[in-house]
Amino acid sequence: MGTANLPAIVFALSSLPAFAIARMLRRNPARRKDNAPAADSPGKAVLDRRLARLMDMVGMVGLAAAAGLWWAGDDRGRATLVVVAMVVLVNAMIVAVLLSIFAARRKARNRP
């Protein structure tokens, strides 16, 4: 295993928590003792699905960065390009997650 493979493996492993978070968000909404859905579940379910999709995309960006680093090998120029692209994409995903949360909060606040 070359020295260029270790960062690729680290990037691949670091994307696993994003997939785990997405899976947790996809679970069924909380249910009361009488097996009826929780009162706030429709709006929360929509937000959870949106956040799960975004977290899946964050995980895919991590896996793509790992593949890019594997491809770059010992070429510093290629590796720099891959890391810069990954940083830009992950930050864009963070902004999308925050905008989704703020929009859901604003919508919930305006509800009667």
Protein backbone atom coordinates (compact mmCIF):
# COMPACT_ATOMS: atom_id res chain seq x y z
CA MET A 1 0.00 0.00 0.00
CA GLY A 2 1.51 3.30 -1.11
CA THR A 3 1.62 6.52 0.86
CA ALA A 4 -1.03 8.05 -1.41
CA ASN A 5 -3.56 5.36 -0.51
CA LEU A 6 -3.79 6.23 3.20
CA PRO A 7 -5.52 9.62 2.70
CA ALA A 8 -7.96 7.99 0.27
CA ILE A 9 -8.84 5.36 2.87
CA VAL A 10 -9.23 8.03 5.57
CA PHE A 11 -11.57 10.06 3.32
CA ALA A 12 -13.62 6.96 2.54
CA LEU A 13 -13.94 6.06 6.22
CA SER A 14 -14.80 9.64 7.18
CA SER A 15 -17.80 9.58 4.85
CA LEU A 16 -19.41 6.70 6.77
CA PRO A 17 -20.88 8.90 9.57
CA ALA A 18 -22.80 10.91 6.95
CA PHE A 19 -24.43 7.70 5.69
CA ALA A 20 -25.19 6.65 9.28
CA ILE A 21 -26.86 10.00 10.00
CA ALA A 22 -28.91 9.72 6.80
CA ARG A 23 -30.06 6.25 7.84
CA MET A 24 -31.08 7.49 11.30
CA LEU A 25 -33.07 10.31 9.70
CA ARG A 26 -34.96 7.83 7.51
CA ARG A 27 -36.28 5.81 10.44
CA ASN A 28 -40.00 5.84 11.10
CA PRO A 29 -41.18 8.86 13.08
CA ALA A 30 -41.68 8.48 16.78
CA ARG A 31 -44.96 6.86 17.74
CA ARG A 32 -47.05 7.32 20.85
CA LYS A 33 -48.08 4.46 23.13
CA ASP A 34 -51.35 3.97 21.23
CA ASN A 35 -49.31 3.45 18.00
CA ALA A 36 -50.54 6.73 16.50
CA PRO A 37 -47.96 8.94 14.79
CA ALA A 38 -46.61 11.86 16.77
CA ALA A 39 -48.43 15.16 16.25
CA ASP A 40 -45.48 16.97 14.70
CA SER A 41 -44.46 14.13 12.37
CA PRO A 42 -45.71 15.42 8.94
CA GLY A 43 -43.50 18.52 8.90
CA LYS A 44 -40.69 16.77 10.70
CA ALA A 45 -40.85 13.82 8.31
CA VAL A 46 -40.45 16.12 5.30
CA LEU A 47 -37.46 17.83 6.90
CA ASP A 48 -35.94 14.48 7.90
CA ARG A 49 -36.22 13.16 4.33
CA ARG A 50 -34.62 16.32 2.93
CA LEU A 51 -31.79 16.19 5.46
CA ALA A 52 -31.29 12.47 4.79
CA ARG A 53 -30.87 13.18 1.06
CA LEU A 54 -28.39 15.96 1.82
CA MET A 55 -26.42 13.76 4.21
CA ASP A 56 -26.31 11.03 1.55
CA MET A 57 -24.86 13.62 -0.84
CA VAL A 58 -22.25 14.61 1.77
CA GLY A 59 -21.27 10.94 2.06
CA MET A 60 -21.06 10.62 -1.72
CA VAL A 61 -18.81 13.69 -1.87
CA GLY A 62 -16.54 12.01 0.68
CA LEU A 63 -16.42 8.81 -1.36
CA ALA A 64 -15.78 10.79 -4.56
CA ALA A 65 -12.95 12.62 -2.79
CA ALA A 66 -11.50 9.27 -1.73
CA ALA A 67 -11.66 8.00 -5.30
CA GLY A 68 -10.12 11.26 -6.52
CA LEU A 69 -7.24 10.99 -4.07
CA TRP A 70 -6.70 7.39 -5.10
CA TRP A 71 -6.62 8.55 -8.73
CA ALA A 72 -4.27 11.45 -7.92
CA GLY A 73 -1.72 9.15 -6.35
CA ASP A 74 1.50 11.02 -5.60
CA ASP A 75 0.70 13.92 -7.98
CA ARG A 76 0.37 16.96 -5.69
CA GLY A 77 -1.41 19.05 -8.32
CA ARG A 78 -4.17 16.49 -8.80
CA ALA A 79 -4.46 15.91 -5.07
CA THR A 80 -4.80 19.65 -4.46
CA LEU A 81 -7.50 19.87 -7.11
CA VAL A 82 -9.44 17.00 -5.51
CA VAL A 83 -9.17 18.46 -2.00
CA VAL A 84 -10.25 21.95 -3.12
CA ALA A 85 -13.24 20.49 -5.00
CA MET A 86 -14.17 18.42 -1.96
CA VAL A 87 -13.97 21.40 0.38
CA VAL A 88 -16.16 23.51 -1.91
CA LEU A 89 -18.75 20.74 -2.30
CA VAL A 90 -18.91 19.86 1.39
CA ASN A 91 -19.32 23.53 2.32
CA ALA A 92 -22.10 23.85 -0.25
CA MET A 93 -23.81 20.84 1.35
CA ILE A 94 -23.45 22.42 4.81
CA VAL A 95 -25.08 25.62 3.52
CA ALA A 96 -27.91 23.55 1.99
CA VAL A 97 -28.48 21.73 5.30
CA LEU A 98 -28.54 24.99 7.25
CA LEU A 99 -30.92 26.63 4.76
CA SER A 100 -33.26 23.63 5.01
CA ILE A 101 -33.26 23.81 8.79
CA PHE A 102 -33.83 27.57 8.86
CA ALA A 103 -36.67 27.30 6.32
CA ALA A 104 -38.34 24.57 8.38
CA ARG A 105 -38.02 26.65 11.56
CA ARG A 106 -39.45 29.71 9.82
CA LYS A 107 -42.34 27.64 8.46
CA ALA A 108 -43.03 26.14 11.89
CA ARG A 109 -42.96 29.58 13.53
CA ASN A 110 -45.51 30.97 11.03
CA ARG A 111 -47.92 28.05 11.56
CA PRO A 112 -51.02 28.97 13.61
